Amino acid sequence: GPGRANRPRGQGHTDKENEKEKKSVICVEGNIASGKTTCLEFFANTTDIEMLVEPVHKWRDVRGHNPLGLMYRDACRWGLTLQTYVQLTMLEQRTCPQTSPVRLMERSIHSARYIFVENLYRSGKMPEVDYVVLSEWYDWIVRNIDVSVDLIVYLRTTPETCYQRLKMRCRDEEKVIPLEYLDAIHHLYEEWLTKGDLFPIVAPVLVIEADHDMQKMFELFEQNRDRILTPGNRTHGP
């Protein structure tokens, strides 16, 4: 714009832009029952952090309807319905004003597309036209809205561990989830976040092995506290 060329070097950012630069978004990713909520709860009392858990309560009750439960019972019929709403609610979360320097999110709009939509399509439970429409929506969002992430914390678990945890926590919708489903989700996460040959990795990835009991996981979270929460102090890797 006019006058921009005459602006002293280093003063091109507004205060608002500088404020944004100080804030970071960390997404905790992993299979169902990999310990994502436990991770967020561990850091919940840390100052200058805001938590955004997956909006599962919305997916279970949309004006009296339960698209999450419907999808698990008949993915061919309800996959598009659920994933359209998941995409909307994850976008709504990501774009709400950030009030703290660090935002810790449970999953992301990226895993909604790269893991769960992809799995529905690969498993033959989503028609190609539905897959293409959801992909077009996601691509438009990424091009036009800031849904960037500064770090992905990948809680890496075996499908068998997740299956045992699922049976213990007894959520109604999850009672019908077979081990094969968890195995498929696991392999997609591995392709995306460790092999890097499925889709673009949208941020640096910190892998934490998460098959351990809760006490051991608390120890690992504490050991990785600075790597997770402090920008510029992140040396990534397992």
C-alpha atoms as a PDB file:
ATOM      1  CA  GLY A   1       0.000   0.000   0.000  1.00  0.00           C
ATOM      2  CA  PRO A   2       1.019   3.692  -0.180  1.00  0.00           C
ATOM      3  CA  GLY A   3       3.931   4.554   2.052  1.00  0.00           C
ATOM      4  CA  ARG A   4       4.860   0.958   2.763  1.00  0.00           C
ATOM      5  CA  ALA A   5       8.226   1.222   0.968  1.00  0.00           C
ATOM      6  CA  ASN A   6       9.219   4.159   3.195  1.00  0.00           C
ATOM      7  CA  ARG A   7       8.432   2.348   6.417  1.00  0.00           C
ATOM      8  CA  PRO A   8      11.547   1.721   8.588  1.00  0.00           C
ATOM      9  CA  ARG A   9      12.696  -1.856   8.393  1.00  0.00           C
ATOM     10  CA  GLY A  10      11.379  -4.009  11.217  1.00  0.00           C
ATOM     11  CA  GLN A  11       8.253  -1.899  11.788  1.00  0.00           C
ATOM     12  CA  GLY A  12       6.088  -3.618   9.205  1.00  0.00           C
ATOM     13  CA  HIS A  13       4.100  -5.596  11.754  1.00  0.00           C
ATOM     14  CA  THR A  14       1.195  -4.085  13.626  1.00  0.00           C
ATOM     15  CA  ASP A  15       0.789  -4.620  17.351  1.00  0.00           C
ATOM     16  CA  LYS A  16      -1.981  -7.055  16.589  1.00  0.00           C
ATOM     17  CA  GLU A  17       0.282  -9.114  14.331  1.00  0.00           C
ATOM     18  CA  ASN A  18       3.028  -9.087  16.946  1.00  0.00           C
ATOM     19  CA  GLU A  19       0.555 -10.273  19.529  1.00  0.00           C
ATOM     20  CA  LYS A  20      -0.491 -13.109  17.255  1.00  0.00           C
ATOM     21  CA  GLU A  21       3.123 -14.136  16.734  1.00  0.00           C
ATOM     22  CA  LYS A  22       3.519 -14.720  20.463  1.00  0.00           C
ATOM     23  CA  LYS A  23       0.664 -17.226  20.560  1.00  0.00           C
ATOM     24  CA  SER A  24       1.004 -20.861  19.669  1.00  0.00           C
ATOM     25  CA  VAL A  25      -1.438 -23.672  18.931  1.00  0.00           C
ATOM     26  CA  ILE A  26      -0.586 -27.233  19.923  1.00  0.00           C
ATOM     27  CA  CYS A  27      -2.753 -30.154  18.837  1.00  0.00           C
ATOM     28  CA  VAL A  28      -2.718 -33.426  20.749  1.00  0.00           C
ATOM     29  CA  GLU A  29      -3.345 -36.211  18.258  1.00  0.00           C
ATOM     30  CA  GLY A  30      -3.776 -39.959  18.521  1.00  0.00           C
ATOM     31  CA  ASN A  31      -6.120 -42.904  18.225  1.00  0.00           C
ATOM     32  CA  ILE A  32      -9.373 -43.239  20.129  1.00  0.00           C
ATOM     33  CA  ALA A  33      -8.489 -43.801  23.829  1.00  0.00           C
ATOM     34  CA  SER A  34      -4.816 -42.952  23.297  1.00  0.00           C
ATOM     35  CA  GLY A  35      -4.872 -40.577  26.289  1.00  0.00           C
ATOM     36  CA  LYS A  36      -5.482 -37.196  24.653  1.00  0.00           C
ATOM     37  CA  THR A  37      -7.905 -35.962  27.319  1.00  0.00           C
ATOM     38  CA  THR A  38      -5.517 -37.136  30.045  1.00  0.00           C
ATOM     39  CA  CYS A  39      -2.774 -35.090  28.418  1.00  0.00           C
ATOM     40  CA  LEU A  40      -4.899 -31.951  28.352  1.00  0.00           C
ATOM     41  CA  GLU A  41      -5.992 -32.476  31.948  1.00  0.00           C
ATOM     42  CA  PHE A  42      -2.358 -32.829  33.023  1.00  0.00           C
ATOM     43  CA  PHE A  43      -1.559 -29.325  31.747  1.00  0.00           C
ATOM     44  CA  ALA A  44      -4.919 -27.820  32.714  1.00  0.00           C
ATOM     45  CA  ASN A  45      -3.621 -25.930  35.765  1.00  0.00           C
ATOM     46  CA  THR A  46      -0.654 -24.415  33.936  1.00  0.00           C
ATOM     47  CA  THR A  47      -0.805 -20.640  33.702  1.00  0.00           C
ATOM     48  CA  ASP A  48      -1.208 -18.914  30.341  1.00  0.00           C
ATOM     49  CA  ILE A  49      -2.726 -21.982  28.669  1.00  0.00           C
ATOM     50  CA  GLU A  50      -6.220 -22.503  27.323  1.00  0.00           C
ATOM     51  CA  MET A  51      -7.700 -25.935  26.651  1.00  0.00           C
ATOM     52  CA  LEU A  52     -10.032 -26.938  23.851  1.00  0.00           C
ATOM     53  CA  VAL A  53     -11.282 -30.509  24.156  1.00  0.00           C
ATOM     54  CA  GLU A  54     -12.889 -32.284  21.219  1.00  0.00           C
ATOM     55  CA  PRO A  55     -16.502 -31.083  21.010  1.00  0.00           C
ATOM     56  CA  VAL A  56     -17.860 -34.626  21.369  1.00  0.00           C
ATOM     57  CA  HIS A  57     -20.876 -33.336  23.290  1.00  0.00           C
ATOM     58  CA  LYS A  58     -21.941 -31.483  20.141  1.00  0.00           C
ATOM     59  CA  TRP A  59     -21.446 -34.560  17.961  1.00  0.00           C
ATOM     60  CA  ARG A  60     -23.677 -36.533  20.338  1.00  0.00           C
ATOM     61  CA  ASP A  61     -26.466 -33.965  20.438  1.00  0.00           C
ATOM     62  CA  VAL A  62     -27.313 -31.781  17.457  1.00  0.00           C
ATOM     63  CA  ARG A  63     -30.781 -30.481  18.295  1.00  0.00           C
ATOM     64  CA  GLY A  64     -31.695 -33.857  19.715  1.00  0.00           C
ATOM     65  CA  HIS A  65     -29.880 -35.993  17.133  1.00  0.00           C
ATOM     66  CA  ASN A  66     -26.749 -38.086  17.754  1.00  0.00           C
ATOM     67  CA  PRO A  67     -24.736 -38.204  14.517  1.00  0.00           C
ATOM     68  CA  LEU A  68     -21.767 -39.790  16.319  1.00  0.00           C
ATOM     69  CA  GLY A  69     -23.846 -42.745  17.448  1.00  0.00           C
ATOM     70  CA  LEU A  70     -25.521 -43.003  14.053  1.00  0.00           C
ATOM     71  CA  MET A  71     -22.150 -43.066  12.268  1.00  0.00           C
ATOM     72  CA  TYR A  72     -20.779 -45.885  14.418  1.00  0.00           C
ATOM     73  CA  ARG A  73     -23.876 -47.962  13.744  1.00  0.00           C
ATOM     74  CA  ASP A  74     -24.139 -47.262  10.003  1.00  0.00           C
ATOM     75  CA  ALA A  75     -21.074 -45.485   8.632  1.00  0.00           C
ATOM     76  CA  CYS A  76     -22.186 -45.863   5.014  1.00  0.00           C
ATOM     77  CA  ARG A  77     -25.333 -43.845   5.684  1.00  0.00           C
ATOM     78  CA  TRP A  78     -24.132 -41.351   8.272  1.00  0.00           C
ATOM     79  CA  GLY A  79     -20.402 -40.853   7.590  1.00  0.00           C
ATOM     80  CA  LEU A  80     -20.865 -37.690   5.546  1.00  0.00           C
ATOM     81  CA  THR A  81     -23.376 -36.304   8.051  1.00  0.00           C
ATOM     82  CA  LEU A  82     -21.038 -36.692  11.000  1.00  0.00           C
ATOM     83  CA  GLN A  83     -17.859 -35.578   9.229  1.00  0.00           C
ATOM     84  CA  THR A  84     -19.534 -32.453   7.841  1.00  0.00           C
ATOM     85  CA  TYR A  85     -20.454 -31.468  11.389  1.00  0.00           C
ATOM     86  CA  VAL A  86     -17.048 -32.454  12.770  1.00  0.00           C
ATOM     87  CA  GLN A  87     -15.404 -30.197  10.182  1.00  0.00           C
ATOM     88  CA  LEU A  88     -17.691 -27.316  11.157  1.00  0.00           C
ATOM     89  CA  THR A  89     -17.183 -27.689  14.904  1.00  0.00           C
ATOM     90  CA  MET A  90     -13.405 -28.129  14.645  1.00  0.00           C
ATOM     91  CA  LEU A  91     -13.231 -25.011  12.450  1.00  0.00           C
ATOM     92  CA  GLU A  92     -15.381 -23.146  14.961  1.00  0.00           C
ATOM     93  CA  GLN A  93     -12.985 -24.125  17.747  1.00  0.00           C
ATOM     94  CA  ARG A  94      -9.835 -23.250  15.849  1.00  0.00           C
ATOM     95  CA  THR A  95     -11.073 -19.804  14.828  1.00  0.00           C
ATOM     96  CA  CYS A  96     -12.500 -18.668  18.155  1.00  0.00           C
ATOM     97  CA  PRO A  97     -10.408 -15.840  19.658  1.00  0.00           C
ATOM     98  CA  GLN A  98      -7.329 -17.102  21.490  1.00  0.00           C
ATOM     99  CA  THR A  99      -7.022 -15.470  24.892  1.00  0.00           C
ATOM    100  CA  SER A 100      -3.838 -17.165  26.177  1.00  0.00           C
ATOM    101  CA  PRO A 101      -0.316 -17.441  24.780  1.00  0.00           C
ATOM    102  CA  VAL A 102      -0.691 -21.206  24.369  1.00  0.00           C
ATOM    103  CA  ARG A 103      -3.735 -23.084  23.102  1.00  0.00           C
ATOM    104  CA  LEU A 104      -3.778 -26.842  23.657  1.00  0.00           C
ATOM    105  CA  MET A 105      -6.320 -28.595  21.427  1.00  0.00           C
ATOM    106  CA  GLU A 106      -7.582 -32.156  21.344  1.00  0.00           C
ATOM    107  CA  ARG A 107      -7.200 -33.229  17.706  1.00  0.00           C
ATOM    108  CA  SER A 108      -7.713 -30.836  14.809  1.00  0.00           C
ATOM    109  CA  ILE A 109      -9.534 -30.143  11.574  1.00  0.00           C
ATOM    110  CA  HIS A 110      -6.505 -31.731   9.874  1.00  0.00           C
ATOM    111  CA  SER A 111      -6.891 -35.151  11.491  1.00  0.00           C
ATOM    112  CA  ALA A 112     -10.627 -35.001  10.883  1.00  0.00           C
ATOM    113  CA  ARG A 113      -9.796 -34.945   7.164  1.00  0.00           C
ATOM    114  CA  TYR A 114      -6.573 -36.947   6.990  1.00  0.00           C
ATOM    115  CA  ILE A 115      -7.554 -39.725   9.402  1.00  0.00           C
ATOM    116  CA  PHE A 116     -11.302 -40.119   9.838  1.00  0.00           C
ATOM    117  CA  VAL A 117     -12.630 -39.034   6.448  1.00  0.00           C
ATOM    118  CA  GLU A 118      -9.790 -40.908   4.789  1.00  0.00           C
ATOM    119  CA  ASN A 119     -10.610 -44.061   6.742  1.00  0.00           C
ATOM    120  CA  LEU A 120     -14.274 -43.946   5.771  1.00  0.00           C
ATOM    121  CA  TYR A 121     -13.319 -43.662   2.122  1.00  0.00           C
ATOM    122  CA  ARG A 122     -10.585 -46.301   2.152  1.00  0.00           C
ATOM    123  CA  SER A 123     -12.790 -48.798   3.961  1.00  0.00           C
ATOM    124  CA  GLY A 124     -15.501 -48.441   1.320  1.00  0.00           C
ATOM    125  CA  LYS A 125     -17.978 -46.863   3.722  1.00  0.00           C
ATOM    126  CA  MET A 126     -17.986 -43.445   2.051  1.00  0.00           C
ATOM    127  CA  PRO A 127     -18.881 -42.940  -1.629  1.00  0.00           C
ATOM    128  CA  GLU A 128     -16.279 -41.112  -3.674  1.00  0.00           C
ATOM    129  CA  VAL A 129     -18.600 -38.154  -4.259  1.00  0.00           C
ATOM    130  CA  ASP A 130     -18.947 -37.617  -0.482  1.00  0.00           C
ATOM    131  CA  TYR A 131     -15.183 -37.923  -0.052  1.00  0.00           C
ATOM    132  CA  VAL A 132     -14.529 -35.410  -2.834  1.00  0.00           C
ATOM    133  CA  VAL A 133     -17.023 -32.897  -1.424  1.00  0.00           C
ATOM    134  CA  LEU A 134     -15.492 -33.070   2.077  1.00  0.00           C
ATOM    135  CA  SER A 135     -12.004 -32.793   0.558  1.00  0.00           C
ATOM    136  CA  GLU A 136     -13.017 -29.721  -1.441  1.00  0.00           C
ATOM    137  CA  TRP A 137     -14.392 -28.094   1.712  1.00  0.00           C
ATOM    138  CA  TYR A 138     -11.210 -28.867   3.649  1.00  0.00           C
ATOM    139  CA  ASP A 139      -8.952 -27.580   0.860  1.00  0.00           C
ATOM    140  CA  TRP A 140     -10.945 -24.333   0.674  1.00  0.00           C
ATOM    141  CA  ILE A 141     -10.727 -23.859   4.446  1.00  0.00           C
ATOM    142  CA  VAL A 142      -6.961 -24.389   4.497  1.00  0.00           C
ATOM    143  CA  ARG A 143      -6.476 -21.914   1.632  1.00  0.00           C
ATOM    144  CA  ASN A 144      -8.703 -19.188   3.027  1.00  0.00           C
ATOM    145  CA  ILE A 145      -8.753 -19.454   6.829  1.00  0.00           C
ATOM    146  CA  ASP A 146      -5.867 -19.595   9.294  1.00  0.00           C
ATOM    147  CA  VAL A 147      -6.061 -23.096  10.758  1.00  0.00           C
ATOM    148  CA  SER A 148      -2.301 -23.382  11.194  1.00  0.00           C
ATOM    149  CA  VAL A 149      -0.747 -25.422  13.993  1.00  0.00           C
ATOM    150  CA  ASP A 150       2.627 -24.866  15.693  1.00  0.00           C
ATOM    151  CA  LEU A 151       3.137 -28.366  17.088  1.00  0.00           C
ATOM    152  CA  ILE A 152       1.490 -31.785  16.916  1.00  0.00           C
ATOM    153  CA  VAL A 153       1.897 -33.997  19.976  1.00  0.00           C
ATOM    154  CA  TYR A 154       1.296 -37.524  18.739  1.00  0.00           C
ATOM    155  CA  LEU A 155       0.340 -39.975  21.496  1.00  0.00           C
ATOM    156  CA  ARG A 156       1.418 -43.197  19.874  1.00  0.00           C
ATOM    157  CA  THR A 157      -0.398 -46.294  21.087  1.00  0.00           C
ATOM    158  CA  THR A 158      -1.020 -49.827  19.883  1.00  0.00           C
ATOM    159  CA  PRO A 159      -4.572 -50.566  18.737  1.00  0.00           C
ATOM    160  CA  GLU A 160      -4.777 -53.313  21.365  1.00  0.00           C
ATOM    161  CA  THR A 161      -4.081 -50.859  24.182  1.00  0.00           C
ATOM    162  CA  CYS A 162      -6.756 -48.501  22.877  1.00  0.00           C
ATOM    163  CA  TYR A 163      -9.235 -51.365  22.621  1.00  0.00           C
ATOM    164  CA  GLN A 164      -8.699 -52.350  26.256  1.00  0.00           C
ATOM    165  CA  ARG A 165      -9.088 -48.739  27.388  1.00  0.00           C
ATOM    166  CA  LEU A 166     -12.263 -48.371  25.344  1.00  0.00           C
ATOM    167  CA  LYS A 167     -13.844 -51.323  27.056  1.00  0.00           C
ATOM    168  CA  MET A 168     -12.966 -49.847  30.435  1.00  0.00           C
ATOM    169  CA  ARG A 169     -14.440 -46.388  29.858  1.00  0.00           C
ATOM    170  CA  CYS A 170     -17.749 -47.695  28.463  1.00  0.00           C
ATOM    171  CA  ARG A 171     -19.060 -44.798  26.363  1.00  0.00           C
ATOM    172  CA  ASP A 172     -22.292 -45.887  24.727  1.00  0.00           C
ATOM    173  CA  GLU A 173     -21.310 -44.928  21.175  1.00  0.00           C
ATOM    174  CA  GLU A 174     -17.964 -46.725  21.477  1.00  0.00           C
ATOM    175  CA  LYS A 175     -19.328 -50.121  22.470  1.00  0.00           C
ATOM    176  CA  VAL A 176     -19.675 -51.088  18.811  1.00  0.00           C
ATOM    177  CA  ILE A 177     -16.089 -50.120  17.834  1.00  0.00           C
ATOM    178  CA  PRO A 178     -14.131 -53.238  16.795  1.00  0.00           C
ATOM    179  CA  LEU A 179     -10.376 -53.677  17.112  1.00  0.00           C
ATOM    180  CA  GLU A 180     -10.127 -53.593  13.301  1.00  0.00           C
ATOM    181  CA  TYR A 181     -11.380 -49.992  13.291  1.00  0.00           C
ATOM    182  CA  LEU A 182      -8.740 -48.923  15.821  1.00  0.00           C
ATOM    183  CA  ASP A 183      -6.110 -50.735  13.783  1.00  0.00           C
ATOM    184  CA  ALA A 184      -7.102 -48.832  10.635  1.00  0.00           C
ATOM    185  CA  ILE A 185      -6.990 -45.484  12.473  1.00  0.00           C
ATOM    186  CA  HIS A 186      -3.584 -46.380  13.919  1.00  0.00           C
ATOM    187  CA  HIS A 187      -2.099 -47.135  10.509  1.00  0.00           C
ATOM    188  CA  LEU A 188      -3.393 -43.861   9.082  1.00  0.00           C
ATOM    189  CA  TYR A 189      -1.832 -41.917  11.954  1.00  0.00           C
ATOM    190  CA  GLU A 190       1.449 -43.742  11.388  1.00  0.00           C
ATOM    191  CA  GLU A 191       1.346 -42.975   7.664  1.00  0.00           C
ATOM    192  CA  TRP A 192       0.593 -39.324   8.313  1.00  0.00           C
ATOM    193  CA  LEU A 193       2.746 -38.417  11.316  1.00  0.00           C
ATOM    194  CA  THR A 194       5.679 -40.840  11.406  1.00  0.00           C
ATOM    195  CA  LYS A 195       6.215 -41.902   7.806  1.00  0.00           C
ATOM    196  CA  GLY A 196       5.060 -38.630   6.266  1.00  0.00           C
ATOM    197  CA  ASP A 197       3.895 -40.283   3.063  1.00  0.00           C
ATOM    198  CA  LEU A 198       0.124 -39.907   3.340  1.00  0.00           C
ATOM    199  CA  PHE A 199      -0.609 -36.167   3.512  1.00  0.00           C
ATOM    200  CA  PRO A 200       1.330 -33.003   4.276  1.00  0.00           C
ATOM    201  CA  ILE A 201       2.452 -32.796   7.894  1.00  0.00           C
ATOM    202  CA  VAL A 202       1.066 -29.429   8.954  1.00  0.00           C
ATOM    203  CA  ALA A 203       3.483 -28.836  11.866  1.00  0.00           C
ATOM    204  CA  PRO A 204       6.502 -30.302  13.645  1.00  0.00           C
ATOM    205  CA  VAL A 205       5.616 -33.581  15.387  1.00  0.00           C
ATOM    206  CA  LEU A 206       6.568 -34.661  18.896  1.00  0.00           C
ATOM    207  CA  VAL A 207       5.981 -38.400  19.337  1.00  0.00           C
ATOM    208  CA  ILE A 208       5.247 -39.671  22.847  1.00  0.00           C
ATOM    209  CA  GLU A 209       4.869 -43.410  23.343  1.00  0.00           C
ATOM    210  CA  ALA A 210       1.581 -43.723  25.204  1.00  0.00           C
ATOM    211  CA  ASP A 211       0.967 -47.405  25.948  1.00  0.00           C
ATOM    212  CA  HIS A 212       1.930 -46.839  29.591  1.00  0.00           C
ATOM    213  CA  ASP A 213      -0.223 -46.538  32.695  1.00  0.00           C
ATOM    214  CA  MET A 214      -1.395 -43.123  33.844  1.00  0.00           C
ATOM    215  CA  GLN A 215       1.409 -42.534  36.343  1.00  0.00           C
ATOM    216  CA  LYS A 216       4.060 -43.209  33.712  1.00  0.00           C
ATOM    217  CA  MET A 217       2.247 -40.956  31.244  1.00  0.00           C
ATOM    218  CA  PHE A 218       2.241 -38.144  33.811  1.00  0.00           C
ATOM    219  CA  GLU A 219       6.012 -38.560  34.094  1.00  0.00           C
ATOM    220  CA  LEU A 220       6.419 -38.394  30.308  1.00  0.00           C
ATOM    221  CA  PHE A 221       4.216 -35.305  30.070  1.00  0.00           C
ATOM    222  CA  GLU A 222       6.313 -33.604  32.744  1.00  0.00           C
ATOM    223  CA  GLN A 223       9.563 -34.584  31.009  1.00  0.00           C
ATOM    224  CA  ASN A 224       8.250 -33.050  27.777  1.00  0.00           C
ATOM    225  CA  ARG A 225       6.595 -30.006  29.334  1.00  0.00           C
ATOM    226  CA  ASP A 226       9.006 -27.453  27.865  1.00  0.00           C
ATOM    227  CA  ARG A 227       9.110 -29.145  24.474  1.00  0.00           C
ATOM    228  CA  ILE A 228       5.319 -28.992  24.315  1.00  0.00           C
ATOM    229  CA  LEU A 229       4.486 -25.636  25.839  1.00  0.00           C
ATOM    230  CA  THR A 230       7.446 -23.321  25.217  1.00  0.00           C
ATOM    231  CA  PRO A 231       7.882 -21.885  21.715  1.00  0.00           C
ATOM    232  CA  GLY A 232      11.508 -21.848  20.648  1.00  0.00           C
ATOM    233  CA  ASN A 233      12.360 -24.601  23.117  1.00  0.00           C
ATOM    234  CA  ARG A 234      11.160 -27.409  20.911  1.00  0.00           C
ATOM    235  CA  THR A 235      13.591 -30.081  19.854  1.00  0.00           C
ATOM    236  CA  HIS A 236      11.287 -32.513  18.161  1.00  0.00           C
ATOM    237  CA  GLY A 237      11.382 -36.235  17.920  1.00  0.00           C
ATOM    238  CA  PRO A 238      10.476 -39.277  19.991  1.00  0.00           C
END
